[in-house]
Amino acid sequence: MNKYFKEVVTLKALDFKVGQNEMFQPFFEKALQSDNPEDIELKAQVKNVCTPIPLEMNKQLEEIISVLRISKGRFLFLAIASAMEEAKALMAEIDIDEYLVEQAEAMQKQKDDEQEAWIEHNKNLSEVV
């Protein structure tokens, strides 16, 4: 297949695919800027997340979004969604739930031990009196 033809077909196929995928659509962007009362519920379901980044990283980000012709907000939304998927997969692979269960059990045992010691302490006090 001709390289140029392959690139054009790939571009058009991806454009179609992304255009059909709701996650890639900024469905809430217009609602956030709207004064329409119907958009109030949607606004309540969105949290603005921001964090400082080094100037060099911002420069690279600006270059990337410029080349891709994508808004910074949409790029960061997709990047965060991707990072979250990867983190969840890694946490499942490591079986972090097992650690959390062990940690919860240890905390419960400590709490039970403290409560038992408190009861014993109060019992000893009542025997003295």
N, C-alpha and C. Protein backbone atom coordinates (compact mmCIF):
# COMPACT_ATOMS: atom_id res chain seq x y z
N MET A 1 0.86 -1.18 0.00
CA MET A 1 0.00 0.00 0.00
C MET A 1 0.90 1.24 0.00
N ASN A 2 0.53 2.21 -0.77
CA ASN A 2 1.23 3.48 -0.86
C ASN A 2 1.24 4.15 0.53
N LYS A 3 2.40 4.65 0.98
CA LYS A 3 2.55 5.24 2.32
C LYS A 3 1.57 6.40 2.52
N TYR A 4 1.47 7.30 1.55
CA TYR A 4 0.57 8.45 1.68
C TYR A 4 -0.87 7.98 1.79
N PHE A 5 -1.27 7.03 0.94
CA PHE A 5 -2.63 6.52 0.96
C PHE A 5 -2.92 5.88 2.33
N LYS A 6 -1.96 5.11 2.83
CA LYS A 6 -2.12 4.46 4.13
C LYS A 6 -2.30 5.50 5.23
N GLU A 7 -1.52 6.57 5.18
CA GLU A 7 -1.63 7.62 6.19
C GLU A 7 -2.98 8.31 6.11
N VAL A 8 -3.47 8.59 4.93
CA VAL A 8 -4.77 9.25 4.77
C VAL A 8 -5.88 8.35 5.28
N VAL A 9 -5.85 7.08 4.92
CA VAL A 9 -6.88 6.14 5.37
C VAL A 9 -6.82 6.00 6.90
N THR A 10 -5.61 5.91 7.44
CA THR A 10 -5.45 5.81 8.90
C THR A 10 -6.03 7.05 9.57
N LEU A 11 -5.69 8.23 9.05
CA LEU A 11 -6.20 9.48 9.60
C LEU A 11 -7.72 9.51 9.58
N LYS A 12 -8.31 9.18 8.45
CA LYS A 12 -9.77 9.24 8.32
C LYS A 12 -10.44 8.20 9.21
N ALA A 13 -9.84 7.00 9.29
CA ALA A 13 -10.40 5.94 10.13
C ALA A 13 -10.36 6.34 11.60
N LEU A 14 -9.22 6.89 12.03
CA LEU A 14 -9.10 7.33 13.42
C LEU A 14 -10.01 8.52 13.71
N ASP A 15 -10.12 9.43 12.76
CA ASP A 15 -11.02 10.57 12.93
C ASP A 15 -12.45 10.08 13.12
N PHE A 16 -12.85 9.11 12.32
CA PHE A 16 -14.20 8.54 12.45
C PHE A 16 -14.35 7.85 13.80
N LYS A 17 -13.37 7.03 14.15
CA LYS A 17 -13.43 6.26 15.40
C LYS A 17 -13.49 7.20 16.61
N VAL A 18 -12.64 8.20 16.65
CA VAL A 18 -12.61 9.13 17.76
C VAL A 18 -13.91 9.94 17.79
N GLY A 19 -14.41 10.30 16.64
CA GLY A 19 -15.66 11.07 16.57
C GLY A 19 -16.85 10.29 17.08
N GLN A 20 -16.77 8.96 17.04
CA GLN A 20 -17.87 8.12 17.50
C GLN A 20 -17.75 7.77 18.98
N ASN A 21 -16.58 7.96 19.55
CA ASN A 21 -16.33 7.57 20.94
C ASN A 21 -16.69 8.74 21.85
N GLU A 22 -17.68 8.54 22.71
CA GLU A 22 -18.18 9.61 23.57
C GLU A 22 -17.12 10.13 24.53
N MET A 23 -16.18 9.25 24.95
CA MET A 23 -15.15 9.68 25.89
C MET A 23 -14.30 10.80 25.29
N PHE A 24 -14.14 10.79 23.98
CA PHE A 24 -13.31 11.79 23.34
C PHE A 24 -14.08 13.09 23.08
N GLN A 25 -15.37 13.05 23.28
CA GLN A 25 -16.19 14.23 23.03
C GLN A 25 -16.23 15.11 24.27
N PRO A 26 -16.01 16.38 24.12
CA PRO A 26 -16.07 17.28 25.28
C PRO A 26 -17.51 17.62 25.62
N PHE A 27 -18.31 16.58 25.98
CA PHE A 27 -19.74 16.76 26.20
C PHE A 27 -20.05 17.77 27.28
N PHE A 28 -19.13 17.97 28.20
CA PHE A 28 -19.39 18.87 29.31
C PHE A 28 -18.78 20.24 29.13
N GLU A 29 -17.91 20.40 28.12
CA GLU A 29 -17.22 21.68 27.96
C GLU A 29 -18.18 22.84 27.76
N LYS A 30 -19.14 22.70 26.86
CA LYS A 30 -20.09 23.78 26.61
C LYS A 30 -21.02 23.98 27.79
N ALA A 31 -21.39 22.87 28.45
CA ALA A 31 -22.29 22.97 29.59
C ALA A 31 -21.64 23.74 30.73
N LEU A 32 -20.35 23.59 30.90
CA LEU A 32 -19.65 24.29 31.98
C LEU A 32 -19.64 25.80 31.77
N GLN A 33 -19.67 26.21 30.52
CA GLN A 33 -19.65 27.64 30.21
C GLN A 33 -21.06 28.21 30.05
N SER A 34 -22.04 27.34 30.11
CA SER A 34 -23.43 27.73 29.87
C SER A 34 -24.09 28.29 31.12
N ASP A 35 -25.04 29.19 30.92
CA ASP A 35 -25.86 29.71 32.01
C ASP A 35 -27.23 29.03 32.00
N ASN A 36 -27.40 28.05 31.14
CA ASN A 36 -28.66 27.34 31.01
C ASN A 36 -28.94 26.54 32.28
N PRO A 37 -30.12 26.70 32.89
CA PRO A 37 -30.45 25.96 34.12
C PRO A 37 -30.39 24.43 33.95
N GLU A 38 -30.62 23.95 32.73
CA GLU A 38 -30.57 22.52 32.48
C GLU A 38 -29.16 21.96 32.65
N ASP A 39 -28.15 22.81 32.57
CA ASP A 39 -26.76 22.36 32.68
C ASP A 39 -26.24 22.37 34.12
N ILE A 40 -27.05 22.82 35.06
CA ILE A 40 -26.61 22.89 36.46
C ILE A 40 -26.26 21.51 36.99
N GLU A 41 -27.09 20.51 36.70
CA GLU A 41 -26.84 19.15 37.18
C GLU A 41 -25.53 18.61 36.61
N LEU A 42 -25.28 18.89 35.34
CA LEU A 42 -24.05 18.43 34.70
C LEU A 42 -22.84 19.12 35.34
N LYS A 43 -22.95 20.41 35.63
CA LYS A 43 -21.85 21.14 36.26
C LYS A 43 -21.51 20.52 37.62
N ALA A 44 -22.52 20.04 38.34
CA ALA A 44 -22.29 19.46 39.66
C ALA A 44 -21.55 18.14 39.59
N GLN A 45 -21.50 17.52 38.41
CA GLN A 45 -20.85 16.22 38.24
C GLN A 45 -19.42 16.35 37.71
N VAL A 46 -18.91 17.57 37.65
CA VAL A 46 -17.59 17.81 37.09
C VAL A 46 -16.73 18.53 38.13
N LYS A 47 -15.49 18.10 38.26
CA LYS A 47 -14.53 18.73 39.18
C LYS A 47 -13.36 19.24 38.36
N ASN A 48 -12.99 20.49 38.55
CA ASN A 48 -11.84 21.07 37.88
C ASN A 48 -10.59 20.68 38.66
N VAL A 49 -9.65 20.04 37.99
CA VAL A 49 -8.42 19.59 38.63
C VAL A 49 -7.26 20.36 38.00
N CYS A 50 -6.48 21.01 38.85
CA CYS A 50 -5.30 21.67 38.28
C CYS A 50 -4.13 21.51 39.23
N THR A 51 -2.95 21.53 38.64
CA THR A 51 -1.73 21.36 39.40
C THR A 51 -0.61 22.12 38.70
N PRO A 52 0.32 22.65 39.46
CA PRO A 52 1.44 23.34 38.82
C PRO A 52 2.37 22.34 38.12
N ILE A 53 2.90 22.73 36.98
CA ILE A 53 3.87 21.90 36.28
C ILE A 53 5.07 22.77 35.91
N PRO A 54 6.25 22.15 35.75
CA PRO A 54 7.43 22.93 35.36
C PRO A 54 7.22 23.62 34.01
N LEU A 55 7.84 24.77 33.83
CA LEU A 55 7.69 25.53 32.59
C LEU A 55 8.08 24.72 31.36
N GLU A 56 9.15 23.94 31.46
CA GLU A 56 9.59 23.13 30.31
C GLU A 56 8.52 22.10 29.95
N MET A 57 7.90 21.51 30.95
CA MET A 57 6.85 20.54 30.70
C MET A 57 5.65 21.22 30.02
N ASN A 58 5.33 22.42 30.47
CA ASN A 58 4.23 23.17 29.86
C ASN A 58 4.56 23.52 28.41
N LYS A 59 5.82 23.88 28.15
CA LYS A 59 6.23 24.20 26.78
C LYS A 59 6.04 22.98 25.88
N GLN A 60 6.45 21.82 26.35
CA GLN A 60 6.27 20.59 25.58
C GLN A 60 4.80 20.27 25.38
N LEU A 61 3.99 20.48 26.43
CA LEU A 61 2.55 20.25 26.34
C LEU A 61 1.94 21.15 25.27
N GLU A 62 2.30 22.42 25.30
CA GLU A 62 1.78 23.37 24.32
C GLU A 62 2.15 22.96 22.89
N GLU A 63 3.38 22.48 22.71
CA GLU A 63 3.82 22.03 21.39
C GLU A 63 3.00 20.83 20.93
N ILE A 64 2.80 19.88 21.82
CA ILE A 64 2.06 18.66 21.47
C ILE A 64 0.61 18.99 21.11
N ILE A 65 -0.06 19.79 21.95
CA ILE A 65 -1.47 20.08 21.66
C ILE A 65 -1.61 20.93 20.40
N SER A 66 -0.59 21.73 20.11
CA SER A 66 -0.61 22.53 18.89
C SER A 66 -0.52 21.63 17.66
N VAL A 67 0.40 20.69 17.70
CA VAL A 67 0.58 19.77 16.57
C VAL A 67 -0.67 18.90 16.39
N LEU A 68 -1.21 18.41 17.51
CA LEU A 68 -2.38 17.53 17.44
C LEU A 68 -3.69 18.28 17.21
N ARG A 69 -3.64 19.61 17.36
CA ARG A 69 -4.84 20.44 17.22
C ARG A 69 -5.94 19.96 18.16
N ILE A 70 -5.57 19.86 19.43
CA ILE A 70 -6.50 19.40 20.46
C ILE A 70 -6.41 20.40 21.61
N SER A 71 -7.49 20.61 22.30
CA SER A 71 -7.45 21.56 23.41
C SER A 71 -6.66 20.96 24.57
N LYS A 72 -6.10 21.84 25.37
CA LYS A 72 -5.34 21.40 26.53
C LYS A 72 -6.24 20.60 27.48
N GLY A 73 -7.45 21.08 27.66
CA GLY A 73 -8.39 20.39 28.54
C GLY A 73 -8.70 18.98 28.08
N ARG A 74 -8.97 18.84 26.80
CA ARG A 74 -9.29 17.51 26.27
C ARG A 74 -8.07 16.59 26.35
N PHE A 75 -6.88 17.12 26.04
CA PHE A 75 -5.66 16.32 26.11
C PHE A 75 -5.43 15.83 27.54
N LEU A 76 -5.56 16.75 28.51
CA LEU A 76 -5.34 16.37 29.91
C LEU A 76 -6.40 15.41 30.40
N PHE A 77 -7.64 15.59 29.97
CA PHE A 77 -8.72 14.66 30.33
C PHE A 77 -8.37 13.25 29.86
N LEU A 78 -7.95 13.13 28.61
CA LEU A 78 -7.60 11.82 28.06
C LEU A 78 -6.35 11.25 28.74
N ALA A 79 -5.38 12.10 29.04
CA ALA A 79 -4.15 11.65 29.70
C ALA A 79 -4.45 11.13 31.11
N ILE A 80 -5.30 11.84 31.83
CA ILE A 80 -5.67 11.41 33.19
C ILE A 80 -6.45 10.09 33.12
N ALA A 81 -7.39 9.99 32.18
CA ALA A 81 -8.16 8.75 32.04
C ALA A 81 -7.24 7.58 31.73
N SER A 82 -6.27 7.79 30.85
CA SER A 82 -5.32 6.75 30.50
C SER A 82 -4.45 6.36 31.70
N ALA A 83 -3.96 7.35 32.43
CA ALA A 83 -3.12 7.09 33.61
C ALA A 83 -3.90 6.33 34.67
N MET A 84 -5.17 6.66 34.83
CA MET A 84 -6.00 5.97 35.82
C MET A 84 -6.20 4.51 35.43
N GLU A 85 -6.45 4.24 34.16
CA GLU A 85 -6.61 2.86 33.69
C GLU A 85 -5.33 2.06 33.95
N GLU A 86 -4.18 2.66 33.63
CA GLU A 86 -2.90 1.98 33.84
C GLU A 86 -2.65 1.74 35.32
N ALA A 87 -2.96 2.71 36.17
CA ALA A 87 -2.75 2.56 37.61
C ALA A 87 -3.63 1.45 38.17
N LYS A 88 -4.90 1.42 37.75
CA LYS A 88 -5.82 0.37 38.22
C LYS A 88 -5.32 -1.01 37.81
N ALA A 89 -4.86 -1.13 36.57
CA ALA A 89 -4.36 -2.42 36.09
C ALA A 89 -3.13 -2.85 36.89
N LEU A 90 -2.23 -1.94 37.14
CA LEU A 90 -1.03 -2.26 37.90
C LEU A 90 -1.37 -2.62 39.34
N MET A 91 -2.29 -1.89 39.95
CA MET A 91 -2.69 -2.19 41.32
C MET A 91 -3.35 -3.56 41.40
N ALA A 92 -4.13 -3.93 40.37
CA ALA A 92 -4.74 -5.26 40.34
C ALA A 92 -3.67 -6.33 40.17
N GLU A 93 -2.70 -6.06 39.32
CA GLU A 93 -1.60 -7.01 39.09
C GLU A 93 -0.80 -7.24 40.37
N ILE A 94 -0.57 -6.20 41.12
CA ILE A 94 0.17 -6.30 42.37
C ILE A 94 -0.70 -6.89 43.48
N ASP A 95 -2.01 -6.87 43.29
CA ASP A 95 -2.99 -7.35 44.26
C ASP A 95 -2.97 -6.49 45.51
N ILE A 96 -3.16 -5.20 45.30
CA ILE A 96 -3.15 -4.24 46.40
C ILE A 96 -4.30 -4.49 47.37
N ASP A 97 -5.39 -5.09 46.89
CA ASP A 97 -6.52 -5.38 47.77
C ASP A 97 -6.10 -6.30 48.91
N GLU A 98 -5.21 -7.26 48.61
CA GLU A 98 -4.73 -8.17 49.64
C GLU A 98 -4.04 -7.39 50.76
N TYR A 99 -3.22 -6.43 50.39
CA TYR A 99 -2.53 -5.59 51.37
C TYR A 99 -3.53 -4.77 52.17
N LEU A 100 -4.52 -4.20 51.49
CA LEU A 100 -5.50 -3.37 52.18
C LEU A 100 -6.30 -4.19 53.19
N VAL A 101 -6.64 -5.44 52.83
CA VAL A 101 -7.36 -6.32 53.76
C VAL A 101 -6.49 -6.61 54.97
N GLU A 102 -5.21 -6.94 54.72
CA GLU A 102 -4.29 -7.21 55.83
C GLU A 102 -4.15 -5.99 56.73
N GLN A 103 -4.04 -4.82 56.11
CA GLN A 103 -3.90 -3.59 56.87
C GLN A 103 -5.16 -3.33 57.71
N ALA A 104 -6.33 -3.54 57.14
CA ALA A 104 -7.58 -3.33 57.86
C ALA A 104 -7.70 -4.31 59.02
N GLU A 105 -7.31 -5.56 58.78
CA GLU A 105 -7.35 -6.56 59.85
C GLU A 105 -6.40 -6.19 60.99
N ALA A 106 -5.19 -5.71 60.65
CA ALA A 106 -4.23 -5.31 61.67
C ALA A 106 -4.75 -4.13 62.48
N MET A 107 -5.38 -3.18 61.81
CA MET A 107 -5.94 -2.02 62.50
C MET A 107 -7.08 -2.44 63.42
N GLN A 108 -7.91 -3.38 62.94
CA GLN A 108 -9.02 -3.86 63.77
C GLN A 108 -8.50 -4.60 65.00
N LYS A 109 -7.43 -5.41 64.82
CA LYS A 109 -6.84 -6.13 65.94
C LYS A 109 -6.28 -5.15 66.97
N GLN A 110 -5.61 -4.10 66.50
CA GLN A 110 -5.07 -3.09 67.41
C GLN A 110 -6.21 -2.42 68.17
N LYS A 111 -7.28 -2.10 67.48
CA LYS A 111 -8.43 -1.46 68.12
C LYS A 111 -9.04 -2.39 69.16
N ASP A 112 -9.18 -3.68 68.82
CA ASP A 112 -9.73 -4.66 69.76
C ASP A 112 -8.84 -4.82 70.98
N ASP A 113 -7.51 -4.85 70.75
CA ASP A 113 -6.56 -4.98 71.86
C ASP A 113 -6.64 -3.77 72.79
N GLU A 114 -6.74 -2.58 72.20
CA GLU A 114 -6.85 -1.36 73.00
C GLU A 114 -8.14 -1.36 73.80
N GLN A 115 -9.23 -1.80 73.18
CA GLN A 115 -10.52 -1.85 73.87
C GLN A 115 -10.46 -2.87 75.01
N GLU A 116 -9.85 -4.02 74.77
CA GLU A 116 -9.71 -5.05 75.80
C GLU A 116 -8.87 -4.52 76.96
N ALA A 117 -7.79 -3.81 76.65
CA ALA A 117 -6.94 -3.25 77.70
C ALA A 117 -7.71 -2.21 78.51
N TRP A 118 -8.53 -1.41 77.84
CA TRP A 118 -9.33 -0.39 78.52
C TRP A 118 -10.33 -1.05 79.46
N ILE A 119 -10.97 -2.11 78.99
CA ILE A 119 -11.94 -2.84 79.82
C ILE A 119 -11.22 -3.43 81.04
N GLU A 120 -10.07 -4.05 80.82
CA GLU A 120 -9.29 -4.64 81.91
C GLU A 120 -8.87 -3.56 82.90
N HIS A 121 -8.46 -2.43 82.39
CA HIS A 121 -8.05 -1.31 83.25
C HIS A 121 -9.21 -0.86 84.12
N ASN A 122 -10.39 -0.67 83.51
CA ASN A 122 -11.58 -0.25 84.26
C ASN A 122 -12.01 -1.31 85.27
N LYS A 123 -11.86 -2.57 84.92
CA LYS A 123 -12.20 -3.67 85.82
C LYS A 123 -11.30 -3.62 87.05
N ASN A 124 -10.01 -3.40 86.81
CA ASN A 124 -9.06 -3.32 87.92
C ASN A 124 -9.37 -2.12 88.82
N LEU A 125 -9.78 -0.99 88.22
CA LEU A 125 -10.12 0.20 89.01
C LEU A 125 -11.33 -0.06 89.88
N SER A 126 -12.35 -0.76 89.33
CA SER A 126 -13.55 -1.02 90.10
C SER A 126 -13.28 -1.99 91.24
N GLU A 127 -12.32 -2.88 91.10
CA GLU A 127 -11.96 -3.81 92.16
C GLU A 127 -11.25 -3.08 93.30
N VAL A 128 -10.49 -2.05 92.96
CA VAL A 128 -9.76 -1.28 93.97
C VAL A 128 -10.74 -0.48 94.81
N VAL A 129 -11.77 0.05 94.21
CA VAL A 129 -12.74 0.90 94.90
C VAL A 129 -13.70 0.09 95.63
